[in-house]
PDB file of N, CA and C in Angstrom:
ATOM      1  N   MET A   1     109.544 115.126  65.927  1.00  0.00           N
ATOM      2  CA  MET A   1     110.557 113.528  65.122  1.00  0.00           C
ATOM      3  C   MET A   1     110.905 113.966  66.889  1.00  0.00           C
ATOM      4  N   ASN A   2     111.455 114.926  67.842  1.00  0.00           N
ATOM      5  CA  ASN A   2     112.018 114.879  68.773  1.00  0.00           C
ATOM      6  C   ASN A   2     110.443 114.694  69.673  1.00  0.00           C
ATOM      7  N   ASN A   3     109.788 114.929  70.439  1.00  0.00           N
ATOM      8  CA  ASN A   3     108.748 114.300  70.668  1.00  0.00           C
ATOM      9  C   ASN A   3     109.075 112.730  70.983  1.00  0.00           C
ATOM     10  N   TRP A   4     109.041 112.101  70.082  1.00  0.00           N
ATOM     11  CA  TRP A   4     108.977 110.281  69.891  1.00  0.00           C
ATOM     12  C   TRP A   4     109.822 110.035  70.920  1.00  0.00           C
ATOM     13  N   LEU A   5     111.266 110.596  70.518  1.00  0.00           N
ATOM     14  CA  LEU A   5     111.936 110.387  71.186  1.00  0.00           C
ATOM     15  C   LEU A   5     112.340 110.744  72.304  1.00  0.00           C
ATOM     16  N   ALA A   6     111.499 111.927  73.086  1.00  0.00           N
ATOM     17  CA  ALA A   6     111.774 112.445  74.535  1.00  0.00           C
ATOM     18  C   ALA A   6     110.665 110.916  75.069  1.00  0.00           C
ATOM     19  N   LYS A   7     109.467 110.765  74.346  1.00  0.00           N
ATOM     20  CA  LYS A   7     108.719 109.755  75.024  1.00  0.00           C
ATOM     21  C   LYS A   7     109.563 108.287  75.862  1.00  0.00           C
ATOM     22  N   ILE A   8     110.092 107.855  74.185  1.00  0.00           N
ATOM     23  CA  ILE A   8     110.679 106.977  74.283  1.00  0.00           C
ATOM     24  C   ILE A   8     111.998 106.586  75.655  1.00  0.00           C
ATOM     25  N   ARG A   9     112.286 108.220  75.549  1.00  0.00           N
ATOM     26  CA  ARG A   9     113.565 108.198  76.370  1.00  0.00           C
ATOM     27  C   ARG A   9     113.225 108.106  78.210  1.00  0.00           C
ATOM     28  N   THR A  10     111.792 108.975  78.153  1.00  0.00           N
ATOM     29  CA  THR A  10     110.984 108.606  79.480  1.00  0.00           C
ATOM     30  C   THR A  10     110.477 107.662  79.882  1.00  0.00           C
ATOM     31  N   PHE A  11     110.065 106.424  79.192  1.00  0.00           N
ATOM     32  CA  PHE A  11     109.361 104.873  78.968  1.00  0.00           C
ATOM     33  C   PHE A  11     110.550 104.677  79.365  1.00  0.00           C
ATOM     34  N   ILE A  12     112.176 104.487  78.819  1.00  0.00           N
ATOM     35  CA  ILE A  12     113.163 103.600  79.486  1.00  0.00           C
ATOM     36  C   ILE A  12     113.484 103.992  80.515  1.00  0.00           C
ATOM     37  N   ALA A  13     113.407 104.912  81.038  1.00  0.00           N
ATOM     38  CA  ALA A  13     114.061 105.735  82.131  1.00  0.00           C
ATOM     39  C   ALA A  13     113.116 105.334  83.972  1.00  0.00           C
ATOM     40  N   ASP A  14     111.817 105.151  83.290  1.00  0.00           N
ATOM     41  CA  ASP A  14     110.599 104.971  84.374  1.00  0.00           C
ATOM     42  C   ASP A  14     110.727 103.294  84.283  1.00  0.00           C
ATOM     43  N   THR A  15     110.826 102.371  83.017  1.00  0.00           N
ATOM     44  CA  THR A  15     111.019 101.237  83.445  1.00  0.00           C
ATOM     45  C   THR A  15     112.890 101.086  84.514  1.00  0.00           C
ATOM     46  N   ILE A  16     113.348 101.464  83.983  1.00  0.00           N
ATOM     47  CA  ILE A  16     114.315 101.213  84.494  1.00  0.00           C
ATOM     48  C   ILE A  16     114.255 101.516  86.513  1.00  0.00           C
ATOM     49  N   ALA A  17     113.863 102.406  87.160  1.00  0.00           N
ATOM     50  CA  ALA A  17     113.322 103.295  87.938  1.00  0.00           C
ATOM     51  C   ALA A  17     112.066 102.019  88.840  1.00  0.00           C
ATOM     52  N   GLU A  18     111.431 101.928  87.698  1.00  0.00           N
ATOM     53  CA  GLU A  18     110.686 100.914  88.157  1.00  0.00           C
ATOM     54  C   GLU A  18     111.074  99.796  88.793  1.00  0.00           C
ATOM     55  N   LEU A  19     111.909  98.766  87.611  1.00  0.00           N
ATOM     56  CA  LEU A  19     112.750  97.884  87.904  1.00  0.00           C
ATOM     57  C   LEU A  19     113.845  98.168  89.382  1.00  0.00           C
ATOM     58  N   LYS A  20     114.050  98.609  89.605  1.00  0.00           N
ATOM     59  CA  LYS A  20     114.955  98.725  90.458  1.00  0.00           C
ATOM     60  C   LYS A  20     114.521  98.628  91.682  1.00  0.00           C
ATOM     61  N   LYS A  21     112.184  99.110  91.867  1.00  0.00           N
ATOM     62  CA  LYS A  21     111.546  98.319  93.419  1.00  0.00           C
ATOM     63  C   LYS A  21     112.210  97.140  93.547  1.00  0.00           C
ATOM     64  N   CYS A  22     112.136  96.428  92.372  1.00  0.00           N
ATOM     65  CA  CYS A  22     111.298  94.973  91.996  1.00  0.00           C
ATOM     66  C   CYS A  22     112.333  94.604  93.876  1.00  0.00           C
ATOM     67  N   THR A  23     111.887  93.221  93.882  1.00  0.00           N
ATOM     68  CA  THR A  23     112.817  92.552  94.539  1.00  0.00           C
ATOM     69  C   THR A  23     112.800  91.123  93.955  1.00  0.00           C
ATOM     70  N   TRP A  24     114.147  90.823  93.208  1.00  0.00           N
ATOM     71  CA  TRP A  24     114.159  89.851  93.189  1.00  0.00           C
ATOM     72  C   TRP A  24     114.564  88.540  93.838  1.00  0.00           C
ATOM     73  N   THR A  25     114.372  86.939  93.014  1.00  0.00           N
ATOM     74  CA  THR A  25     114.866  85.790  93.803  1.00  0.00           C
ATOM     75  C   THR A  25     116.002  85.841  93.727  1.00  0.00           C
ATOM     76  N   PRO A  26     116.209  85.038  95.096  1.00  0.00           N
ATOM     77  CA  PRO A  26     118.137  84.872  95.109  1.00  0.00           C
ATOM     78  C   PRO A  26     118.265  83.493  93.896  1.00  0.00           C
ATOM     79  N   ARG A  27     119.562  83.831  93.245  1.00  0.00           N
ATOM     80  CA  ARG A  27     120.067  83.011  92.095  1.00  0.00           C
ATOM     81  C   ARG A  27     119.660  81.424  92.599  1.00  0.00           C
ATOM     82  N   ASP A  28     120.240  81.633  93.485  1.00  0.00           N
ATOM     83  CA  ASP A  28     119.717  79.952  94.635  1.00  0.00           C
ATOM     84  C   ASP A  28     118.352  78.992  94.595  1.00  0.00           C
ATOM     85  N   GLU A  29     117.050  80.164  95.017  1.00  0.00           N
ATOM     86  CA  GLU A  29     115.559  79.697  94.821  1.00  0.00           C
ATOM     87  C   GLU A  29     115.003  79.684  93.691  1.00  0.00           C
ATOM     88  N   LEU A  30     116.139  80.428  92.243  1.00  0.00           N
ATOM     89  CA  LEU A  30     115.301  80.202  91.101  1.00  0.00           C
ATOM     90  C   LEU A  30     115.799  78.862  90.358  1.00  0.00           C
ATOM     91  N   PHE A  31     117.456  78.511  90.931  1.00  0.00           N
ATOM     92  CA  PHE A  31     117.866  77.380  90.402  1.00  0.00           C
ATOM     93  C   PHE A  31     117.143  76.217  91.213  1.00  0.00           C
ATOM     94  N   GLU A  32     116.359  76.573  92.240  1.00  0.00           N
ATOM     95  CA  GLU A  32     115.698  75.259  92.462  1.00  0.00           C
ATOM     96  C   GLU A  32     114.445  74.598  92.060  1.00  0.00           C
ATOM     97  N   SER A  33     114.334  76.514  91.666  1.00  0.00           N
ATOM     98  CA  SER A  33     112.483  76.509  90.949  1.00  0.00           C
ATOM     99  C   SER A  33     112.556  76.150  89.293  1.00  0.00           C
ATOM    100  N   THR A  34     113.509  75.969  89.174  1.00  0.00           N
ATOM    101  CA  THR A  34     114.048  76.009  87.446  1.00  0.00           C
ATOM    102  C   THR A  34     113.457  74.613  87.812  1.00  0.00           C
ATOM    103  N   ILE A  35     114.261  73.410  88.609  1.00  0.00           N
ATOM    104  CA  ILE A  35     114.752  71.836  88.427  1.00  0.00           C
ATOM    105  C   ILE A  35     113.990  71.747  88.913  1.00  0.00           C
ATOM    106  N   LEU A  36     112.440  72.110  89.643  1.00  0.00           N
ATOM    107  CA  LEU A  36     111.370  71.662  89.984  1.00  0.00           C
ATOM    108  C   LEU A  36     110.713  71.763  88.789  1.00  0.00           C
ATOM    109  N   VAL A  37     110.216  73.301  87.877  1.00  0.00           N
ATOM    110  CA  VAL A  37     109.523  72.916  86.706  1.00  0.00           C
ATOM    111  C   VAL A  37     110.372  71.707  85.731  1.00  0.00           C
ATOM    112  N   ILE A  38     111.317  71.672  85.260  1.00  0.00           N
ATOM    113  CA  ILE A  38     111.671  71.164  85.219  1.00  0.00           C
ATOM    114  C   ILE A  38     111.334  69.443  84.824  1.00  0.00           C
ATOM    115  N   VAL A  39     111.007  69.129  86.687  1.00  0.00           N
ATOM    116  CA  VAL A  39     111.087  67.994  87.141  1.00  0.00           C
ATOM    117  C   VAL A  39     109.241  67.521  86.787  1.00  0.00           C
ATOM    118  N   ALA A  40     108.626  68.279  87.204  1.00  0.00           N
ATOM    119  CA  ALA A  40     106.830  68.189  86.682  1.00  0.00           C
ATOM    120  C   ALA A  40     106.431  67.874  85.417  1.00  0.00           C
ATOM    121  N   VAL A  41     107.172  68.713  84.550  1.00  0.00           N
ATOM    122  CA  VAL A  41     106.832  68.679  83.561  1.00  0.00           C
ATOM    123  C   VAL A  41     107.714  67.758  83.052  1.00  0.00           C
ATOM    124  N   PHE A  42     108.325  66.979  83.192  1.00  0.00           N
ATOM    125  CA  PHE A  42     109.216  64.979  82.826  1.00  0.00           C
ATOM    126  C   PHE A  42     107.705  64.606  83.179  1.00  0.00           C
ATOM    127  N   ILE A  43     107.615  64.405  84.368  1.00  0.00           N
ATOM    128  CA  ILE A  43     106.318  63.273  84.553  1.00  0.00           C
ATOM    129  C   ILE A  43     105.006  63.685  84.180  1.00  0.00           C
ATOM    130  N   LEU A  44     104.047  64.687  83.799  1.00  0.00           N
ATOM    131  CA  LEU A  44     103.625  65.238  83.078  1.00  0.00           C
ATOM    132  C   LEU A  44     103.618  64.300  81.705  1.00  0.00           C
ATOM    133  N   ALA A  45     104.427  65.027  81.502  1.00  0.00           N
ATOM    134  CA  ALA A  45     104.745  64.209  79.646  1.00  0.00           C
ATOM    135  C   ALA A  45     104.655  62.879  79.911  1.00  0.00           C
ATOM    136  N   ALA A  46     105.413  62.222  80.699  1.00  0.00           N
ATOM    137  CA  ALA A  46     105.157  60.546  81.117  1.00  0.00           C
ATOM    138  C   ALA A  46     103.991  60.174  81.057  1.00  0.00           C
ATOM    139  N   PHE A  47     103.372  60.501  81.965  1.00  0.00           N
ATOM    140  CA  PHE A  47     101.713  60.488  81.927  1.00  0.00           C
ATOM    141  C   PHE A  47     100.927  60.722  81.198  1.00  0.00           C
ATOM    142  N   VAL A  48     101.261  61.583  80.411  1.00  0.00           N
ATOM    143  CA  VAL A  48     100.534  61.788  79.372  1.00  0.00           C
ATOM    144  C   VAL A  48     100.482  60.978  77.760  1.00  0.00           C
ATOM    145  N   ALA A  49     101.788  60.371  78.442  1.00  0.00           N
ATOM    146  CA  ALA A  49     102.565  59.340  76.948  1.00  0.00           C
ATOM    147  C   ALA A  49     101.955  58.369  77.484  1.00  0.00           C
ATOM    148  N   VAL A  50     102.170  57.684  78.868  1.00  0.00           N
ATOM    149  CA  VAL A  50     100.848  56.381  79.459  1.00  0.00           C
ATOM    150  C   VAL A  50      99.667  57.073  78.943  1.00  0.00           C
ATOM    151  N   ILE A  51      99.022  57.586  79.327  1.00  0.00           N
ATOM    152  CA  ILE A  51      97.494  56.931  78.978  1.00  0.00           C
ATOM    153  C   ILE A  51      97.358  57.620  77.779  1.00  0.00           C
ATOM    154  N   ASP A  52      97.966  58.122  76.887  1.00  0.00           N
ATOM    155  CA  ASP A  52      98.156  57.587  75.354  1.00  0.00           C
ATOM    156  C   ASP A  52      98.133  56.611  74.598  1.00  0.00           C
ATOM    157  N   LEU A  53      98.818  55.734  75.555  1.00  0.00           N
ATOM    158  CA  LEU A  53      99.960  54.809  74.892  1.00  0.00           C
ATOM    159  C   LEU A  53      98.589  53.324  75.464  1.00  0.00           C
ATOM    160  N   VAL A  54      97.862  53.860  76.609  1.00  0.00           N
ATOM    161  CA  VAL A  54      96.801  52.953  77.495  1.00  0.00           C
ATOM    162  C   VAL A  54      95.063  53.386  76.428  1.00  0.00           C
ATOM    163  N   ALA A  55      95.201  54.101  76.508  1.00  0.00           N
ATOM    164  CA  ALA A  55      94.271  54.780  75.174  1.00  0.00           C
ATOM    165  C   ALA A  55      94.168  53.918  73.659  1.00  0.00           C
ATOM    166  N   ARG A  56      95.415  54.533  73.421  1.00  0.00           N
ATOM    167  CA  ARG A  56      95.540  53.821  72.045  1.00  0.00           C
ATOM    168  C   ARG A  56      94.776  52.767  71.959  1.00  0.00           C
ATOM    169  N   GLU A  57      95.601  51.519  72.731  1.00  0.00           N
ATOM    170  CA  GLU A  57      95.319  49.163  73.108  1.00  0.00           C
ATOM    171  C   GLU A  57      93.898  49.514  73.332  1.00  0.00           C
ATOM    172  N   PHE A  58      93.963  50.098  73.798  1.00  0.00           N
ATOM    173  CA  PHE A  58      92.172  50.172  74.376  1.00  0.00           C
ATOM    174  C   PHE A  58      90.999  49.984  73.103  1.00  0.00           C
ATOM    175  N   ILE A  59      91.652  51.091  72.147  1.00  0.00           N
ATOM    176  CA  ILE A  59      91.042  51.540  70.733  1.00  0.00           C
ATOM    177  C   ILE A  59      91.217  50.765  70.362  1.00  0.00           C
ATOM    178  N   SER A  60      92.255  50.248  69.923  1.00  0.00           N
ATOM    179  CA  SER A  60      92.756  48.973  68.593  1.00  0.00           C
ATOM    180  C   SER A  60      92.191  48.411  68.903  1.00  0.00           C
ATOM    181  N   LEU A  61      91.816  47.643  70.961  1.00  0.00           N
ATOM    182  CA  LEU A  61      91.185  46.208  70.571  1.00  0.00           C
ATOM    183  C   LEU A  61      89.520  46.609  70.667  1.00  0.00           C
ATOM    184  N   ILE A  62      88.821  47.700  70.527  1.00  0.00           N
ATOM    185  CA  ILE A  62      87.534  47.794  70.071  1.00  0.00           C
ATOM    186  C   ILE A  62      86.901  47.979  68.904  1.00  0.00           C
ATOM    187  N   THR A  63      88.146  48.237  68.229  1.00  0.00           N
ATOM    188  CA  THR A  63      87.661  48.257  66.066  1.00  0.00           C
ATOM    189  C   THR A  63      88.171  47.424  65.347  1.00  0.00           C
ATOM    190  N   MET A  64      89.364  46.138  66.268  1.00  0.00           N
ATOM    191  CA  MET A  64      89.157  44.919  65.890  1.00  0.00           C
ATOM    192  C   MET A  64      88.119  43.956  65.948  1.00  0.00           C
TER     193      MET A  64
END
């Protein structure tokens, strides 16, 4: 029973040590990137909605 607990402690300690080696993005750059992704998703969603509307109308004209 003690063996698996020691493995978990070692894993957590190793994980914390590796995370301290990472270079983290500054908060303002992270915020700008997040806004950029959100805007890109909205633009892509609008594009897909327009294509869907055009395709639906085109198919409706063909099948009537």
